[in-house]
Amino acid sequence: MPPLFSAATLVELSIVVQARFGAEGQADLDLFLRTAQVEIVSFTPEQAQLAHTAFARYGKGRHRAGLHLGACSSCALARFLDEPLLFNGDDFVHTDLRSAANRSTTD
């Protein structure tokens, strides 16, 4: 299975990259996504509900995880597909999501 990325998360990431690194940063992001063969997954109404639930439970200002829109969208996609989430940092370790980093190489 190719790496999957929520379309909603991509929007937020692109905004952040453009703001910090300009057009060159966006070009680098686009190149990375193509090279890594990342599949962008449409953000569905079901995922919107899951993202809202994630924010209500783990959102910034209400929980130690402090998830923002992009993180809630990633959470929603992982839950929608019943797949673990590959992440870095300390945000998702404070949630009940399964980590893809803990998967065996035989999965």
N, C-alpha and C. Protein backbone atom coordinates (compact mmCIF):
# COMPACT_ATOMS: atom_id res chain seq x y z
N MET A 1 0.85 -1.18 0.00
CA MET A 1 0.00 0.00 0.00
C MET A 1 0.89 1.24 0.00
N PRO A 2 0.57 2.20 -0.86
CA PRO A 2 1.38 3.44 -0.86
C PRO A 2 1.11 4.26 0.39
N PRO A 3 2.02 5.16 0.73
CA PRO A 3 1.74 6.06 1.85
C PRO A 3 0.51 6.91 1.51
N LEU A 4 -0.36 7.08 2.50
CA LEU A 4 -1.59 7.84 2.31
C LEU A 4 -1.53 9.16 3.07
N PHE A 5 -2.16 10.18 2.50
CA PHE A 5 -2.15 11.51 3.11
C PHE A 5 -3.52 12.13 2.88
N SER A 6 -4.12 12.63 3.92
CA SER A 6 -5.43 13.28 3.81
C SER A 6 -5.33 14.57 3.00
N ALA A 7 -6.27 14.78 2.10
CA ALA A 7 -6.31 16.02 1.32
C ALA A 7 -6.42 17.23 2.24
N ALA A 8 -7.18 17.10 3.32
CA ALA A 8 -7.33 18.22 4.26
C ALA A 8 -6.01 18.53 4.96
N THR A 9 -5.26 17.51 5.31
CA THR A 9 -3.96 17.72 5.94
C THR A 9 -3.00 18.36 4.95
N LEU A 10 -3.09 17.95 3.69
CA LEU A 10 -2.22 18.52 2.66
C LEU A 10 -2.48 20.02 2.49
N VAL A 11 -3.73 20.43 2.56
CA VAL A 11 -4.04 21.86 2.45
C VAL A 11 -3.33 22.63 3.56
N GLU A 12 -3.47 22.16 4.81
CA GLU A 12 -2.82 22.87 5.91
C GLU A 12 -1.30 22.85 5.77
N LEU A 13 -0.74 21.70 5.42
CA LEU A 13 0.70 21.60 5.25
C LEU A 13 1.19 22.55 4.16
N SER A 14 0.49 22.60 3.05
CA SER A 14 0.88 23.49 1.95
C SER A 14 0.85 24.95 2.37
N ILE A 15 -0.14 25.33 3.16
CA ILE A 15 -0.22 26.71 3.65
C ILE A 15 0.98 27.04 4.53
N VAL A 16 1.31 26.13 5.43
CA VAL A 16 2.45 26.34 6.33
C VAL A 16 3.76 26.40 5.53
N VAL A 17 3.93 25.48 4.61
CA VAL A 17 5.16 25.45 3.80
C VAL A 17 5.29 26.73 2.98
N GLN A 18 4.20 27.16 2.34
CA GLN A 18 4.23 28.40 1.55
C GLN A 18 4.58 29.60 2.42
N ALA A 19 3.98 29.67 3.60
CA ALA A 19 4.23 30.80 4.49
C ALA A 19 5.68 30.84 4.96
N ARG A 20 6.24 29.68 5.24
CA ARG A 20 7.60 29.63 5.79
C ARG A 20 8.69 29.63 4.72
N PHE A 21 8.42 28.96 3.59
CA PHE A 21 9.48 28.73 2.62
C PHE A 21 9.16 29.20 1.20
N GLY A 22 7.99 29.75 1.00
CA GLY A 22 7.61 30.28 -0.30
C GLY A 22 7.41 29.22 -1.37
N ALA A 23 7.46 29.68 -2.61
CA ALA A 23 7.21 28.80 -3.75
C ALA A 23 8.23 27.67 -3.84
N GLU A 24 9.47 27.95 -3.46
CA GLU A 24 10.51 26.91 -3.50
C GLU A 24 10.18 25.78 -2.53
N GLY A 25 9.70 26.14 -1.35
CA GLY A 25 9.29 25.13 -0.38
C GLY A 25 8.13 24.29 -0.89
N GLN A 26 7.18 24.94 -1.54
CA GLN A 26 6.04 24.21 -2.10
C GLN A 26 6.51 23.26 -3.19
N ALA A 27 7.45 23.71 -4.02
CA ALA A 27 8.00 22.83 -5.07
C ALA A 27 8.70 21.63 -4.44
N ASP A 28 9.42 21.85 -3.35
CA ASP A 28 10.09 20.74 -2.65
C ASP A 28 9.06 19.76 -2.08
N LEU A 29 7.99 20.29 -1.51
CA LEU A 29 6.94 19.43 -0.97
C LEU A 29 6.32 18.60 -2.09
N ASP A 30 5.99 19.25 -3.20
CA ASP A 30 5.41 18.53 -4.33
C ASP A 30 6.34 17.43 -4.84
N LEU A 31 7.63 17.74 -4.92
CA LEU A 31 8.61 16.75 -5.36
C LEU A 31 8.66 15.57 -4.39
N PHE A 32 8.68 15.87 -3.10
CA PHE A 32 8.69 14.80 -2.10
C PHE A 32 7.46 13.90 -2.25
N LEU A 33 6.29 14.49 -2.38
CA LEU A 33 5.06 13.70 -2.48
C LEU A 33 5.09 12.80 -3.72
N ARG A 34 5.59 13.33 -4.84
CA ARG A 34 5.71 12.52 -6.06
C ARG A 34 6.75 11.41 -5.89
N THR A 35 7.92 11.76 -5.37
CA THR A 35 9.00 10.80 -5.21
C THR A 35 8.62 9.67 -4.26
N ALA A 36 7.95 10.02 -3.18
CA ALA A 36 7.52 9.02 -2.20
C ALA A 36 6.25 8.29 -2.63
N GLN A 37 5.69 8.69 -3.77
CA GLN A 37 4.47 8.10 -4.32
C GLN A 37 3.32 8.13 -3.30
N VAL A 38 3.19 9.29 -2.66
CA VAL A 38 2.14 9.47 -1.66
C VAL A 38 0.80 9.60 -2.38
N GLU A 39 -0.17 8.86 -1.90
CA GLU A 39 -1.53 8.94 -2.44
C GLU A 39 -2.34 9.91 -1.59
N ILE A 40 -2.89 10.93 -2.23
CA ILE A 40 -3.72 11.91 -1.53
C ILE A 40 -5.15 11.37 -1.51
N VAL A 41 -5.70 11.25 -0.31
CA VAL A 41 -7.03 10.67 -0.12
C VAL A 41 -8.04 11.79 0.10
N SER A 42 -9.14 11.72 -0.64
CA SER A 42 -10.20 12.72 -0.50
C SER A 42 -10.71 12.78 0.93
N PHE A 43 -11.06 13.99 1.36
CA PHE A 43 -11.60 14.21 2.70
C PHE A 43 -13.12 14.10 2.60
N THR A 44 -13.67 13.06 3.19
CA THR A 44 -15.09 12.75 3.07
C THR A 44 -15.89 13.31 4.25
N PRO A 45 -17.22 13.34 4.12
CA PRO A 45 -18.05 13.75 5.25
C PRO A 45 -17.82 12.88 6.50
N GLU A 46 -17.60 11.59 6.29
CA GLU A 46 -17.33 10.71 7.43
C GLU A 46 -16.02 11.10 8.13
N GLN A 47 -15.02 11.42 7.33
CA GLN A 47 -13.75 11.87 7.92
C GLN A 47 -13.92 13.22 8.61
N ALA A 48 -14.76 14.07 8.07
CA ALA A 48 -15.01 15.37 8.72
C ALA A 48 -15.57 15.15 10.12
N GLN A 49 -16.49 14.20 10.26
CA GLN A 49 -17.05 13.90 11.58
C GLN A 49 -15.98 13.32 12.50
N LEU A 50 -15.16 12.43 11.98
CA LEU A 50 -14.08 11.85 12.79
C LEU A 50 -13.07 12.92 13.20
N ALA A 51 -12.78 13.86 12.31
CA ALA A 51 -11.85 14.95 12.64
C ALA A 51 -12.44 15.84 13.73
N HIS A 52 -13.73 16.11 13.63
CA HIS A 52 -14.40 16.92 14.65
C HIS A 52 -14.35 16.21 16.00
N THR A 53 -14.60 14.92 16.00
CA THR A 53 -14.52 14.13 17.24
C THR A 53 -13.11 14.14 17.79
N ALA A 54 -12.11 14.03 16.91
CA ALA A 54 -10.71 14.08 17.36
C ALA A 54 -10.40 15.41 18.01
N PHE A 55 -10.89 16.51 17.41
CA PHE A 55 -10.64 17.82 18.01
C PHE A 55 -11.35 17.94 19.36
N ALA A 56 -12.58 17.48 19.44
CA ALA A 56 -13.32 17.56 20.70
C ALA A 56 -12.59 16.80 21.81
N ARG A 57 -11.95 15.72 21.44
CA ARG A 57 -11.26 14.90 22.44
C ARG A 57 -9.81 15.31 22.67
N TYR A 58 -9.09 15.63 21.58
CA TYR A 58 -7.64 15.85 21.66
C TYR A 58 -7.19 17.22 21.17
N GLY A 59 -8.11 18.13 20.92
CA GLY A 59 -7.78 19.39 20.28
C GLY A 59 -6.92 20.34 21.10
N LYS A 60 -6.26 21.22 20.37
CA LYS A 60 -5.42 22.25 20.97
C LYS A 60 -6.26 23.09 21.94
N GLY A 61 -5.73 23.29 23.13
CA GLY A 61 -6.44 24.06 24.14
C GLY A 61 -7.38 23.24 24.99
N ARG A 62 -7.53 21.95 24.68
CA ARG A 62 -8.43 21.12 25.46
C ARG A 62 -7.80 19.80 25.91
N HIS A 63 -6.65 19.47 25.36
CA HIS A 63 -6.02 18.19 25.70
C HIS A 63 -4.51 18.33 25.53
N ARG A 64 -3.79 17.49 26.24
CA ARG A 64 -2.32 17.51 26.17
C ARG A 64 -1.79 17.28 24.76
N ALA A 65 -2.51 16.49 23.97
CA ALA A 65 -2.07 16.23 22.59
C ALA A 65 -2.06 17.52 21.76
N GLY A 66 -3.03 18.39 21.99
CA GLY A 66 -3.08 19.69 21.31
C GLY A 66 -3.17 19.60 19.79
N LEU A 67 -4.02 18.71 19.29
CA LEU A 67 -4.11 18.53 17.84
C LEU A 67 -4.74 19.74 17.16
N HIS A 68 -4.18 20.12 16.01
CA HIS A 68 -4.69 21.20 15.17
C HIS A 68 -5.44 20.57 13.99
N LEU A 69 -5.91 21.39 13.06
CA LEU A 69 -6.73 20.90 11.95
C LEU A 69 -6.05 19.78 11.16
N GLY A 70 -4.82 19.99 10.75
CA GLY A 70 -4.13 18.97 9.96
C GLY A 70 -3.96 17.67 10.71
N ALA A 71 -3.64 17.77 11.98
CA ALA A 71 -3.47 16.57 12.81
C ALA A 71 -4.80 15.85 13.00
N CYS A 72 -5.86 16.61 13.20
CA CYS A 72 -7.19 16.00 13.35
C CYS A 72 -7.61 15.31 12.05
N SER A 73 -7.24 15.88 10.91
CA SER A 73 -7.55 15.27 9.62
C SER A 73 -6.75 13.98 9.42
N SER A 74 -5.51 13.98 9.85
CA SER A 74 -4.69 12.76 9.78
C SER A 74 -5.28 11.68 10.69
N CYS A 75 -5.68 12.09 11.87
CA CYS A 75 -6.31 11.18 12.82
C CYS A 75 -7.57 10.58 12.21
N ALA A 76 -8.37 11.42 11.57
CA ALA A 76 -9.62 10.97 10.95
C ALA A 76 -9.36 9.93 9.87
N LEU A 77 -8.36 10.17 9.03
CA LEU A 77 -8.05 9.22 7.96
C LEU A 77 -7.60 7.89 8.54
N ALA A 78 -6.75 7.92 9.55
CA ALA A 78 -6.29 6.68 10.19
C ALA A 78 -7.46 5.91 10.78
N ARG A 79 -8.36 6.60 11.45
CA ARG A 79 -9.53 5.93 12.04
C ARG A 79 -10.47 5.41 10.95
N PHE A 80 -10.69 6.22 9.92
CA PHE A 80 -11.59 5.84 8.82
C PHE A 80 -11.11 4.56 8.15
N LEU A 81 -9.80 4.44 7.95
CA LEU A 81 -9.22 3.27 7.29
C LEU A 81 -8.83 2.17 8.26
N ASP A 82 -8.98 2.43 9.56
CA ASP A 82 -8.55 1.50 10.61
C ASP A 82 -7.09 1.09 10.40
N GLU A 83 -6.26 2.10 10.18
CA GLU A 83 -4.83 1.89 9.97
C GLU A 83 -4.05 2.67 11.03
N PRO A 84 -2.83 2.22 11.33
CA PRO A 84 -1.99 3.01 12.24
C PRO A 84 -1.52 4.28 11.54
N LEU A 85 -1.04 5.23 12.33
CA LEU A 85 -0.60 6.52 11.82
C LEU A 85 0.90 6.66 12.01
N LEU A 86 1.60 7.06 10.95
CA LEU A 86 3.03 7.35 11.06
C LEU A 86 3.17 8.82 11.43
N PHE A 87 3.83 9.08 12.54
CA PHE A 87 3.98 10.46 13.02
C PHE A 87 5.29 10.61 13.76
N ASN A 88 5.68 11.87 13.96
CA ASN A 88 6.82 12.17 14.82
C ASN A 88 6.36 13.21 15.82
N GLY A 89 7.18 13.51 16.78
CA GLY A 89 6.81 14.49 17.78
C GLY A 89 6.00 13.88 18.90
N ASP A 90 5.48 14.74 19.75
CA ASP A 90 4.81 14.28 20.97
C ASP A 90 3.29 14.40 20.94
N ASP A 91 2.72 14.92 19.85
CA ASP A 91 1.27 15.13 19.83
C ASP A 91 0.49 13.82 19.92
N PHE A 92 0.71 12.94 18.97
CA PHE A 92 -0.11 11.74 18.86
C PHE A 92 0.17 10.70 19.93
N VAL A 93 1.30 10.78 20.61
CA VAL A 93 1.57 9.81 21.68
C VAL A 93 0.58 9.97 22.83
N HIS A 94 -0.10 11.11 22.88
CA HIS A 94 -1.08 11.36 23.94
C HIS A 94 -2.50 11.00 23.49
N THR A 95 -2.62 10.30 22.36
CA THR A 95 -3.92 9.85 21.88
C THR A 95 -3.97 8.32 21.95
N ASP A 96 -5.09 7.76 21.54
CA ASP A 96 -5.20 6.30 21.52
C ASP A 96 -4.96 5.71 20.13
N LEU A 97 -4.39 6.50 19.23
CA LEU A 97 -4.08 6.00 17.89
C LEU A 97 -2.92 5.01 17.92
N ARG A 98 -2.99 4.03 17.04
CA ARG A 98 -1.88 3.09 16.89
C ARG A 98 -0.79 3.75 16.06
N SER A 99 0.44 3.52 16.42
CA SER A 99 1.58 4.09 15.70
C SER A 99 2.06 3.11 14.63
N ALA A 100 2.23 3.61 13.41
CA ALA A 100 2.79 2.78 12.33
C ALA A 100 4.25 2.45 12.59
N ALA A 101 4.92 3.25 13.40
CA ALA A 101 6.33 2.99 13.72
C ALA A 101 6.49 1.72 14.53
N ASN A 102 5.42 1.27 15.16
CA ASN A 102 5.48 0.06 15.99
C ASN A 102 5.09 -1.20 15.23
N ARG A 103 4.78 -1.06 13.95
CA ARG A 103 4.39 -2.22 13.15
C ARG A 103 5.61 -3.07 12.83
N SER A 104 5.39 -4.36 12.72
CA SER A 104 6.49 -5.23 12.32
C SER A 104 6.68 -5.11 10.81
N THR A 105 7.83 -5.51 10.32
CA THR A 105 8.12 -5.42 8.89
C THR A 105 7.35 -6.47 8.10
N THR A 106 6.67 -7.40 8.75
CA THR A 106 5.90 -8.42 8.06
C THR A 106 4.45 -8.01 7.86
N ASP A 107 4.05 -6.86 8.40
CA ASP A 107 2.66 -6.39 8.22
C ASP A 107 2.41 -6.00 6.79
